[in-house]
Amino acid sequence: MEISRTALGTPYREDDRIVLLAQFISEYYTSPNIEIEVKIGTFFLNSSTQQISHISEINMQNIPGRFESSLQPLMFFSLLELLKITCPNFIFFETEDSLYTCSDRNSKIRQTIGQNNEIIAIIKKTRIADKNFLINSHGSGIRISANIEEGIDKIPEESKFYVLRKKKRYSFRHLYLVIDLTEVSMNNKVFYEAEIEIVDFPFVKTHANNFLLGLDKGGLIGIARKIWQNSLALSYHKPKAMVVRVSENLELMEDRERVYKKFIGSDFPLIGDYLFCIAKELENVEP
């Protein structure tokens, strides 16, 4: 039985956003230095267009505002625990990124230092293009970016240091994608970030070329669909308000109760408790 058409005999129509994403990938996936990444976060807009009833693409050049790539601690840790179950072969690592200005205002220099104080990489990252999607009236959104990342031997003399970012990153591989959950300490504050990145360049490049040549549209559409659906899955995740207490190291329990009592006023925090995360943040910013 033919199932590729509707009851009226018309072809099924692909989600326009997925087609736009496939076109975006094919347009910019032309260099081995290209990076396509998705950031989950919040749009802060000075416009009534933020009041939406469905997912909408927005043009940040026409709307005053900004995008902040960060999650609430409760959502971050809930996603982390879930991904540890669904993608158990994850990688955890800690690094320090020193960021420097660049002569091109769309570029920045990033020097990454490992745990043994060795230089892992010096990267020049240039922002090429973005696609921005507002997914609800609270400002939650998705930014899909194309960037060029070039390895360089040293930091250019004209560059100026402007911020240090300490990162604790959990990296989960899913097909040809990587989902990164990162705890970032910067300027005495803690931020929580979630990103999705294409990592199998040859696989996606082949489908991007076929898409451009008209030889095979479906392959890249399928890739775009997986990126989009995983982005929505992260964005719409609903963390549980409470997490069941489990047995743990006594020293860690005592430390958690101490910090919780000092800033919140109770000495019985729950594992995964949002208020405990806030208490730890307050302790970290104390002089």
C-alpha atoms as a PDB file:
ATOM      1  CA  MET A   1       0.000   0.000   0.000  1.00  0.00           C
ATOM      2  CA  GLU A   2       1.318   3.459  -0.926  1.00  0.00           C
ATOM      3  CA  ILE A   3       1.851   5.460   2.272  1.00  0.00           C
ATOM      4  CA  SER A   4       3.989   8.337   0.953  1.00  0.00           C
ATOM      5  CA  ARG A   5       0.905  10.421   0.136  1.00  0.00           C
ATOM      6  CA  THR A   6      -1.995  11.791   2.152  1.00  0.00           C
ATOM      7  CA  ALA A   7      -5.572  10.548   1.857  1.00  0.00           C
ATOM      8  CA  LEU A   8      -6.113  13.353  -0.647  1.00  0.00           C
ATOM      9  CA  GLY A   9      -3.274  12.094  -2.829  1.00  0.00           C
ATOM     10  CA  THR A  10      -0.867  14.930  -2.029  1.00  0.00           C
ATOM     11  CA  PRO A  11       2.746  14.266  -0.928  1.00  0.00           C
ATOM     12  CA  TYR A  12       3.544  14.439   2.766  1.00  0.00           C
ATOM     13  CA  ARG A  13       5.213  17.736   3.541  1.00  0.00           C
ATOM     14  CA  GLU A  14       8.417  17.852   5.545  1.00  0.00           C
ATOM     15  CA  ASP A  15       8.634  20.212   8.531  1.00  0.00           C
ATOM     16  CA  ASP A  16       9.760  23.544   7.046  1.00  0.00           C
ATOM     17  CA  ARG A  17      12.261  24.057   9.863  1.00  0.00           C
ATOM     18  CA  ILE A  18      13.997  20.781   9.024  1.00  0.00           C
ATOM     19  CA  VAL A  19      14.251  21.767   5.363  1.00  0.00           C
ATOM     20  CA  LEU A  20      15.680  25.152   6.385  1.00  0.00           C
ATOM     21  CA  LEU A  21      18.227  23.408   8.595  1.00  0.00           C
ATOM     22  CA  ALA A  22      19.236  21.042   5.779  1.00  0.00           C
ATOM     23  CA  GLN A  23      19.699  24.025   3.464  1.00  0.00           C
ATOM     24  CA  PHE A  24      21.735  25.811   6.157  1.00  0.00           C
ATOM     25  CA  ILE A  25      24.054  22.799   6.596  1.00  0.00           C
ATOM     26  CA  SER A  26      24.530  22.313   2.849  1.00  0.00           C
ATOM     27  CA  GLU A  27      25.321  26.013   2.365  1.00  0.00           C
ATOM     28  CA  TYR A  28      28.081  26.166   4.970  1.00  0.00           C
ATOM     29  CA  TYR A  29      29.350  22.582   5.125  1.00  0.00           C
ATOM     30  CA  THR A  30      31.933  23.262   2.435  1.00  0.00           C
ATOM     31  CA  SER A  31      35.192  23.399   4.406  1.00  0.00           C
ATOM     32  CA  PRO A  32      36.983  20.877   6.650  1.00  0.00           C
ATOM     33  CA  ASN A  33      37.266  23.682   9.217  1.00  0.00           C
ATOM     34  CA  ILE A  34      33.523  24.277   9.444  1.00  0.00           C
ATOM     35  CA  GLU A  35      31.653  23.599  12.685  1.00  0.00           C
ATOM     36  CA  ILE A  36      27.878  23.279  12.946  1.00  0.00           C
ATOM     37  CA  GLU A  37      26.643  23.498  16.524  1.00  0.00           C
ATOM     38  CA  VAL A  38      23.365  23.933  18.356  1.00  0.00           C
ATOM     39  CA  LYS A  39      23.108  25.856  21.616  1.00  0.00           C
ATOM     40  CA  ILE A  40      20.164  25.580  23.994  1.00  0.00           C
ATOM     41  CA  GLY A  41      19.315  28.722  25.932  1.00  0.00           C
ATOM     42  CA  THR A  42      17.125  31.779  26.309  1.00  0.00           C
ATOM     43  CA  PHE A  43      16.367  34.806  24.142  1.00  0.00           C
ATOM     44  CA  PHE A  44      15.948  38.127  25.933  1.00  0.00           C
ATOM     45  CA  LEU A  45      14.060  40.258  23.438  1.00  0.00           C
ATOM     46  CA  ASN A  46      12.765  43.818  23.620  1.00  0.00           C
ATOM     47  CA  SER A  47       9.830  42.994  21.398  1.00  0.00           C
ATOM     48  CA  SER A  48       6.261  41.686  21.533  1.00  0.00           C
ATOM     49  CA  THR A  49       7.279  38.954  19.074  1.00  0.00           C
ATOM     50  CA  GLN A  50       8.427  37.019  22.127  1.00  0.00           C
ATOM     51  CA  GLN A  51       4.747  36.269  22.821  1.00  0.00           C
ATOM     52  CA  ILE A  52       4.334  33.271  20.526  1.00  0.00           C
ATOM     53  CA  SER A  53       2.111  30.216  20.495  1.00  0.00           C
ATOM     54  CA  HIS A  54       4.397  28.032  18.362  1.00  0.00           C
ATOM     55  CA  ILE A  55       8.039  27.660  17.358  1.00  0.00           C
ATOM     56  CA  SER A  56       9.173  30.656  15.312  1.00  0.00           C
ATOM     57  CA  GLU A  57      12.366  31.548  13.501  1.00  0.00           C
ATOM     58  CA  ILE A  58      13.543  35.031  14.452  1.00  0.00           C
ATOM     59  CA  ASN A  59      15.993  37.423  12.846  1.00  0.00           C
ATOM     60  CA  MET A  60      18.204  38.891  15.569  1.00  0.00           C
ATOM     61  CA  GLN A  61      19.351  41.670  13.224  1.00  0.00           C
ATOM     62  CA  ASN A  62      15.810  43.056  13.184  1.00  0.00           C
ATOM     63  CA  ILE A  63      14.875  42.421  16.827  1.00  0.00           C
ATOM     64  CA  PRO A  64      16.737  44.113  19.712  1.00  0.00           C
ATOM     65  CA  GLY A  65      17.887  41.600  22.289  1.00  0.00           C
ATOM     66  CA  ARG A  66      20.390  38.851  23.000  1.00  0.00           C
ATOM     67  CA  PHE A  67      20.705  35.082  23.269  1.00  0.00           C
ATOM     68  CA  GLU A  68      22.136  33.525  26.435  1.00  0.00           C
ATOM     69  CA  SER A  69      23.442  29.972  26.110  1.00  0.00           C
ATOM     70  CA  SER A  70      22.707  28.656  29.590  1.00  0.00           C
ATOM     71  CA  LEU A  71      20.360  26.361  31.512  1.00  0.00           C
ATOM     72  CA  GLN A  72      18.914  26.452  35.003  1.00  0.00           C
ATOM     73  CA  PRO A  73      20.962  24.183  37.317  1.00  0.00           C
ATOM     74  CA  LEU A  74      18.011  21.861  37.968  1.00  0.00           C
ATOM     75  CA  MET A  75      17.481  21.262  34.254  1.00  0.00           C
ATOM     76  CA  PHE A  76      21.209  20.794  33.621  1.00  0.00           C
ATOM     77  CA  PHE A  77      21.687  18.154  36.311  1.00  0.00           C
ATOM     78  CA  SER A  78      18.468  16.384  35.374  1.00  0.00           C
ATOM     79  CA  LEU A  79      19.627  16.148  31.737  1.00  0.00           C
ATOM     80  CA  LEU A  80      23.027  14.976  32.920  1.00  0.00           C
ATOM     81  CA  GLU A  81      21.601  12.105  34.953  1.00  0.00           C
ATOM     82  CA  LEU A  82      19.310  11.043  32.110  1.00  0.00           C
ATOM     83  CA  LEU A  83      22.076  11.118  29.487  1.00  0.00           C
ATOM     84  CA  LYS A  84      24.338   9.059  31.737  1.00  0.00           C
ATOM     85  CA  ILE A  85      21.662   6.345  31.500  1.00  0.00           C
ATOM     86  CA  THR A  86      20.850   6.619  27.788  1.00  0.00           C
ATOM     87  CA  CYS A  87      24.469   7.202  26.621  1.00  0.00           C
ATOM     88  CA  PRO A  88      26.607   5.484  29.297  1.00  0.00           C
ATOM     89  CA  ASN A  89      29.900   5.629  27.354  1.00  0.00           C
ATOM     90  CA  PHE A  90      30.423   9.338  27.926  1.00  0.00           C
ATOM     91  CA  ILE A  91      33.694  11.247  28.322  1.00  0.00           C
ATOM     92  CA  PHE A  92      34.379  13.675  31.171  1.00  0.00           C
ATOM     93  CA  PHE A  93      37.212  16.193  31.154  1.00  0.00           C
ATOM     94  CA  GLU A  94      38.207  19.479  32.769  1.00  0.00           C
ATOM     95  CA  THR A  95      39.915  22.315  30.913  1.00  0.00           C
ATOM     96  CA  GLU A  96      40.605  26.033  31.123  1.00  0.00           C
ATOM     97  CA  ASP A  97      39.916  28.287  28.144  1.00  0.00           C
ATOM     98  CA  SER A  98      41.681  31.637  27.898  1.00  0.00           C
ATOM     99  CA  LEU A  99      39.793  33.821  25.410  1.00  0.00           C
ATOM    100  CA  TYR A 100      41.436  36.617  23.435  1.00  0.00           C
ATOM    101  CA  THR A 101      40.157  39.364  21.192  1.00  0.00           C
ATOM    102  CA  CYS A 102      40.832  39.237  17.471  1.00  0.00           C
ATOM    103  CA  SER A 103      41.227  41.906  14.781  1.00  0.00           C
ATOM    104  CA  ASP A 104      38.016  40.568  13.210  1.00  0.00           C
ATOM    105  CA  ARG A 105      35.181  41.284  15.657  1.00  0.00           C
ATOM    106  CA  ASN A 106      33.378  38.113  14.505  1.00  0.00           C
ATOM    107  CA  SER A 107      36.373  36.023  15.581  1.00  0.00           C
ATOM    108  CA  LYS A 108      38.014  35.090  18.853  1.00  0.00           C
ATOM    109  CA  ILE A 109      41.098  33.170  19.913  1.00  0.00           C
ATOM    110  CA  ARG A 110      40.741  30.311  22.394  1.00  0.00           C
ATOM    111  CA  GLN A 111      43.689  28.684  24.149  1.00  0.00           C
ATOM    112  CA  THR A 112      42.712  25.461  25.919  1.00  0.00           C
ATOM    113  CA  ILE A 113      44.775  24.160  28.850  1.00  0.00           C
ATOM    114  CA  GLY A 114      44.420  20.584  30.154  1.00  0.00           C
ATOM    115  CA  GLN A 115      44.552  19.225  33.693  1.00  0.00           C
ATOM    116  CA  ASN A 116      48.331  18.780  33.515  1.00  0.00           C
ATOM    117  CA  ASN A 117      48.760  22.433  32.538  1.00  0.00           C
ATOM    118  CA  GLU A 118      49.594  21.498  28.950  1.00  0.00           C
ATOM    119  CA  ILE A 119      48.316  23.481  25.962  1.00  0.00           C
ATOM    120  CA  ILE A 120      45.786  21.253  24.206  1.00  0.00           C
ATOM    121  CA  ALA A 121      44.957  23.632  21.356  1.00  0.00           C
ATOM    122  CA  ILE A 122      44.925  27.254  20.194  1.00  0.00           C
ATOM    123  CA  ILE A 123      41.894  27.865  18.003  1.00  0.00           C
ATOM    124  CA  LYS A 124      40.705  30.849  16.033  1.00  0.00           C
ATOM    125  CA  LYS A 125      36.908  30.657  15.868  1.00  0.00           C
ATOM    126  CA  THR A 126      35.014  32.812  13.368  1.00  0.00           C
ATOM    127  CA  ARG A 127      31.254  33.143  13.483  1.00  0.00           C
ATOM    128  CA  ILE A 128      29.745  32.799  10.014  1.00  0.00           C
ATOM    129  CA  ALA A 129      25.965  32.557  10.367  1.00  0.00           C
ATOM    130  CA  ASP A 130      23.173  31.727  12.801  1.00  0.00           C
ATOM    131  CA  LYS A 131      19.630  30.453  12.720  1.00  0.00           C
ATOM    132  CA  ASN A 132      17.557  31.372  15.772  1.00  0.00           C
ATOM    133  CA  PHE A 133      14.339  29.676  16.869  1.00  0.00           C
ATOM    134  CA  LEU A 134      12.119  30.871  19.699  1.00  0.00           C
ATOM    135  CA  ILE A 135      10.205  27.881  21.064  1.00  0.00           C
ATOM    136  CA  ASN A 136       7.895  29.426  23.664  1.00  0.00           C
ATOM    137  CA  SER A 137       6.697  32.710  25.120  1.00  0.00           C
ATOM    138  CA  HIS A 138       9.122  32.423  28.044  1.00  0.00           C
ATOM    139  CA  GLY A 139      12.055  33.051  25.707  1.00  0.00           C
ATOM    140  CA  SER A 140      13.410  29.487  25.568  1.00  0.00           C
ATOM    141  CA  GLY A 141      15.191  28.988  22.296  1.00  0.00           C
ATOM    142  CA  ILE A 142      17.639  27.239  20.027  1.00  0.00           C
ATOM    143  CA  ARG A 143      20.557  28.815  18.157  1.00  0.00           C
ATOM    144  CA  ILE A 144      22.113  26.860  15.281  1.00  0.00           C
ATOM    145  CA  SER A 145      25.481  28.272  14.234  1.00  0.00           C
ATOM    146  CA  ALA A 146      28.042  27.788  11.508  1.00  0.00           C
ATOM    147  CA  ASN A 147      31.589  28.669  12.579  1.00  0.00           C
ATOM    148  CA  ILE A 148      35.051  28.209  11.124  1.00  0.00           C
ATOM    149  CA  GLU A 149      37.619  26.798  13.554  1.00  0.00           C
ATOM    150  CA  GLU A 150      41.263  27.052  12.562  1.00  0.00           C
ATOM    151  CA  GLY A 151      44.176  25.705  14.610  1.00  0.00           C
ATOM    152  CA  ILE A 152      47.015  28.215  15.007  1.00  0.00           C
ATOM    153  CA  ASP A 153      50.534  27.893  16.435  1.00  0.00           C
ATOM    154  CA  LYS A 154      50.452  30.821  18.855  1.00  0.00           C
ATOM    155  CA  ILE A 155      48.329  33.699  20.062  1.00  0.00           C
ATOM    156  CA  PRO A 156      48.725  36.733  17.748  1.00  0.00           C
ATOM    157  CA  GLU A 157      50.593  39.657  19.332  1.00  0.00           C
ATOM    158  CA  GLU A 158      47.742  42.093  18.688  1.00  0.00           C
ATOM    159  CA  SER A 159      45.268  39.895  20.585  1.00  0.00           C
ATOM    160  CA  LYS A 160      44.247  40.817  24.125  1.00  0.00           C
ATOM    161  CA  PHE A 161      43.160  38.462  26.880  1.00  0.00           C
ATOM    162  CA  TYR A 162      39.647  39.189  28.173  1.00  0.00           C
ATOM    163  CA  VAL A 163      38.259  36.213  30.123  1.00  0.00           C
ATOM    164  CA  LEU A 164      39.120  32.816  31.615  1.00  0.00           C
ATOM    165  CA  ARG A 165      36.570  30.005  31.462  1.00  0.00           C
ATOM    166  CA  LYS A 166      37.029  26.887  33.610  1.00  0.00           C
ATOM    167  CA  LYS A 167      35.025  23.996  32.196  1.00  0.00           C
ATOM    168  CA  LYS A 168      33.816  20.632  33.446  1.00  0.00           C
ATOM    169  CA  ARG A 169      32.399  18.888  30.386  1.00  0.00           C
ATOM    170  CA  TYR A 170      30.436  15.687  29.904  1.00  0.00           C
ATOM    171  CA  SER A 171      30.483  14.602  26.265  1.00  0.00           C
ATOM    172  CA  PHE A 172      27.897  12.089  25.007  1.00  0.00           C
ATOM    173  CA  ARG A 173      28.196  10.536  21.514  1.00  0.00           C
ATOM    174  CA  HIS A 174      24.937   9.874  19.673  1.00  0.00           C
ATOM    175  CA  LEU A 175      25.266   8.647  16.072  1.00  0.00           C
ATOM    176  CA  TYR A 176      27.206  11.386  14.202  1.00  0.00           C
ATOM    177  CA  LEU A 177      26.423  13.949  16.899  1.00  0.00           C
ATOM    178  CA  VAL A 178      27.955  14.846  20.254  1.00  0.00           C
ATOM    179  CA  ILE A 179      25.893  16.317  23.080  1.00  0.00           C
ATOM    180  CA  ASP A 180      28.047  18.367  25.448  1.00  0.00           C
ATOM    181  CA  LEU A 181      26.865  19.366  28.914  1.00  0.00           C
ATOM    182  CA  THR A 182      29.318  21.826  30.450  1.00  0.00           C
ATOM    183  CA  GLU A 183      29.598  23.489  33.836  1.00  0.00           C
ATOM    184  CA  VAL A 184      31.427  26.778  33.282  1.00  0.00           C
ATOM    185  CA  SER A 185      33.042  28.947  35.962  1.00  0.00           C
ATOM    186  CA  MET A 186      33.695  32.482  34.762  1.00  0.00           C
ATOM    187  CA  ASN A 187      34.030  35.818  36.553  1.00  0.00           C
ATOM    188  CA  ASN A 188      33.160  34.182  39.905  1.00  0.00           C
ATOM    189  CA  LYS A 189      29.884  32.844  38.499  1.00  0.00           C
ATOM    190  CA  VAL A 190      28.788  29.372  37.418  1.00  0.00           C
ATOM    191  CA  PHE A 191      26.905  28.735  34.173  1.00  0.00           C
ATOM    192  CA  TYR A 192      25.445  25.538  32.735  1.00  0.00           C
ATOM    193  CA  GLU A 193      25.501  24.953  28.986  1.00  0.00           C
ATOM    194  CA  ALA A 194      24.086  22.366  26.585  1.00  0.00           C
ATOM    195  CA  GLU A 195      25.290  22.011  22.989  1.00  0.00           C
ATOM    196  CA  ILE A 196      24.917  19.600  20.100  1.00  0.00           C
ATOM    197  CA  GLU A 197      27.655  19.372  17.479  1.00  0.00           C
ATOM    198  CA  ILE A 198      28.178  17.413  14.251  1.00  0.00           C
ATOM    199  CA  VAL A 199      31.381  15.384  14.651  1.00  0.00           C
ATOM    200  CA  ASP A 200      31.405  12.904  11.735  1.00  0.00           C
ATOM    201  CA  PHE A 201      32.456  15.381   9.046  1.00  0.00           C
ATOM    202  CA  PRO A 202      32.955  12.940   6.095  1.00  0.00           C
ATOM    203  CA  PHE A 203      29.550  11.307   6.624  1.00  0.00           C
ATOM    204  CA  VAL A 204      27.628  14.581   6.734  1.00  0.00           C
ATOM    205  CA  LYS A 205      29.754  16.194   3.986  1.00  0.00           C
ATOM    206  CA  THR A 206      28.822  13.415   1.557  1.00  0.00           C
ATOM    207  CA  HIS A 207      25.119  13.956   2.177  1.00  0.00           C
ATOM    208  CA  ALA A 208      25.535  17.761   1.979  1.00  0.00           C
ATOM    209  CA  ASN A 209      27.210  17.420  -1.436  1.00  0.00           C
ATOM    210  CA  ASN A 210      24.475  15.088  -2.690  1.00  0.00           C
ATOM    211  CA  PHE A 211      21.859  17.546  -1.435  1.00  0.00           C
ATOM    212  CA  LEU A 212      23.468  20.437  -3.323  1.00  0.00           C
ATOM    213  CA  LEU A 213      23.819  18.358  -6.505  1.00  0.00           C
ATOM    214  CA  GLY A 214      20.238  17.155  -6.319  1.00  0.00           C
ATOM    215  CA  LEU A 215      21.346  13.509  -6.231  1.00  0.00           C
ATOM    216  CA  ASP A 216      19.862  12.714  -2.830  1.00  0.00           C
ATOM    217  CA  LYS A 217      17.803  15.128  -0.745  1.00  0.00           C
ATOM    218  CA  GLY A 218      16.641  12.567   1.790  1.00  0.00           C
ATOM    219  CA  GLY A 219      20.022  11.844   3.381  1.00  0.00           C
ATOM    220  CA  LEU A 220      20.675  15.385   4.563  1.00  0.00           C
ATOM    221  CA  ILE A 221      17.006  15.868   5.457  1.00  0.00           C
ATOM    222  CA  GLY A 222      17.344  12.861   7.760  1.00  0.00           C
ATOM    223  CA  ILE A 223      20.450  14.330   9.383  1.00  0.00           C
ATOM    224  CA  ALA A 224      18.725  17.695   9.871  1.00  0.00           C
ATOM    225  CA  ARG A 225      15.705  15.945  11.362  1.00  0.00           C
ATOM    226  CA  LYS A 226      17.867  14.182  13.973  1.00  0.00           C
ATOM    227  CA  ILE A 227      19.627  17.430  14.895  1.00  0.00           C
ATOM    228  CA  TRP A 228      16.305  19.244  15.209  1.00  0.00           C
ATOM    229  CA  GLN A 229      14.556  16.520  17.208  1.00  0.00           C
ATOM    230  CA  ASN A 230      17.501  16.155  19.610  1.00  0.00           C
ATOM    231  CA  SER A 231      17.553  19.943  20.048  1.00  0.00           C
ATOM    232  CA  LEU A 232      13.850  19.954  20.904  1.00  0.00           C
ATOM    233  CA  ALA A 233      14.293  16.992  23.253  1.00  0.00           C
ATOM    234  CA  LEU A 234      16.884  18.946  25.252  1.00  0.00           C
ATOM    235  CA  SER A 235      14.835  22.149  25.184  1.00  0.00           C
ATOM    236  CA  TYR A 236      11.560  20.541  26.274  1.00  0.00           C
ATOM    237  CA  HIS A 237      13.056  18.293  28.943  1.00  0.00           C
ATOM    238  CA  LYS A 238      11.085  18.541  32.183  1.00  0.00           C
ATOM    239  CA  PRO A 239      13.258  17.882  35.243  1.00  0.00           C
ATOM    240  CA  LYS A 240      11.748  16.225  38.257  1.00  0.00           C
ATOM    241  CA  ALA A 241      11.198  18.512  41.213  1.00  0.00           C
ATOM    242  CA  MET A 242      12.618  15.973  43.641  1.00  0.00           C
ATOM    243  CA  VAL A 243      15.193  13.227  43.324  1.00  0.00           C
ATOM    244  CA  VAL A 244      15.160  10.195  45.622  1.00  0.00           C
ATOM    245  CA  ARG A 245      17.933  10.279  48.198  1.00  0.00           C
ATOM    246  CA  VAL A 246      20.494   7.501  47.846  1.00  0.00           C
ATOM    247  CA  SER A 247      23.408   6.378  49.972  1.00  0.00           C
ATOM    248  CA  GLU A 248      26.586   8.386  49.403  1.00  0.00           C
ATOM    249  CA  ASN A 249      29.909   9.383  50.877  1.00  0.00           C
ATOM    250  CA  LEU A 250      29.464  10.712  54.434  1.00  0.00           C
ATOM    251  CA  GLU A 251      31.931  13.575  53.880  1.00  0.00           C
ATOM    252  CA  LEU A 252      30.013  14.768  50.815  1.00  0.00           C
ATOM    253  CA  MET A 253      26.731  14.582  52.730  1.00  0.00           C
ATOM    254  CA  GLU A 254      28.119  16.682  55.563  1.00  0.00           C
ATOM    255  CA  ASP A 255      29.522  19.282  53.160  1.00  0.00           C
ATOM    256  CA  ARG A 256      26.223  19.536  51.312  1.00  0.00           C
ATOM    257  CA  GLU A 257      24.260  19.944  54.548  1.00  0.00           C
ATOM    258  CA  ARG A 258      26.701  22.599  55.792  1.00  0.00           C
ATOM    259  CA  VAL A 259      26.399  24.731  52.668  1.00  0.00           C
ATOM    260  CA  TYR A 260      22.654  24.240  52.453  1.00  0.00           C
ATOM    261  CA  LYS A 261      22.105  25.244  56.082  1.00  0.00           C
ATOM    262  CA  LYS A 262      24.327  28.322  55.724  1.00  0.00           C
ATOM    263  CA  PHE A 263      22.510  29.797  52.719  1.00  0.00           C
ATOM    264  CA  ILE A 264      19.039  28.230  52.658  1.00  0.00           C
ATOM    265  CA  GLY A 265      18.230  27.551  56.297  1.00  0.00           C
ATOM    266  CA  SER A 266      17.650  23.786  56.352  1.00  0.00           C
ATOM    267  CA  ASP A 267      20.129  20.976  56.865  1.00  0.00           C
ATOM    268  CA  PHE A 268      18.313  18.322  54.828  1.00  0.00           C
ATOM    269  CA  PRO A 269      18.866  19.030  51.104  1.00  0.00           C
ATOM    270  CA  LEU A 270      17.883  16.453  48.508  1.00  0.00           C
ATOM    271  CA  ILE A 271      20.256  15.157  45.871  1.00  0.00           C
ATOM    272  CA  GLY A 272      19.545  17.219  42.755  1.00  0.00           C
ATOM    273  CA  ASP A 273      17.901  19.938  44.864  1.00  0.00           C
ATOM    274  CA  TYR A 274      17.805  23.213  42.913  1.00  0.00           C
ATOM    275  CA  LEU A 275      18.285  25.242  46.127  1.00  0.00           C
ATOM    276  CA  PHE A 276      21.440  23.309  46.927  1.00  0.00           C
ATOM    277  CA  CYS A 277      22.867  24.318  43.527  1.00  0.00           C
ATOM    278  CA  ILE A 278      22.069  27.933  44.355  1.00  0.00           C
ATOM    279  CA  ALA A 279      23.742  27.542  47.760  1.00  0.00           C
ATOM    280  CA  LYS A 280      26.933  26.218  46.150  1.00  0.00           C
ATOM    281  CA  GLU A 281      26.923  29.134  43.704  1.00  0.00           C
ATOM    282  CA  LEU A 282      26.568  31.615  46.582  1.00  0.00           C
ATOM    283  CA  GLU A 283      29.468  29.994  48.394  1.00  0.00           C
ATOM    284  CA  ASN A 284      31.645  30.207  45.261  1.00  0.00           C
ATOM    285  CA  VAL A 285      31.134  33.984  44.913  1.00  0.00           C
ATOM    286  CA  GLU A 286      31.941  34.800  48.512  1.00  0.00           C
ATOM    287  CA  PRO A 287      35.100  36.959  48.863  1.00  0.00           C
END
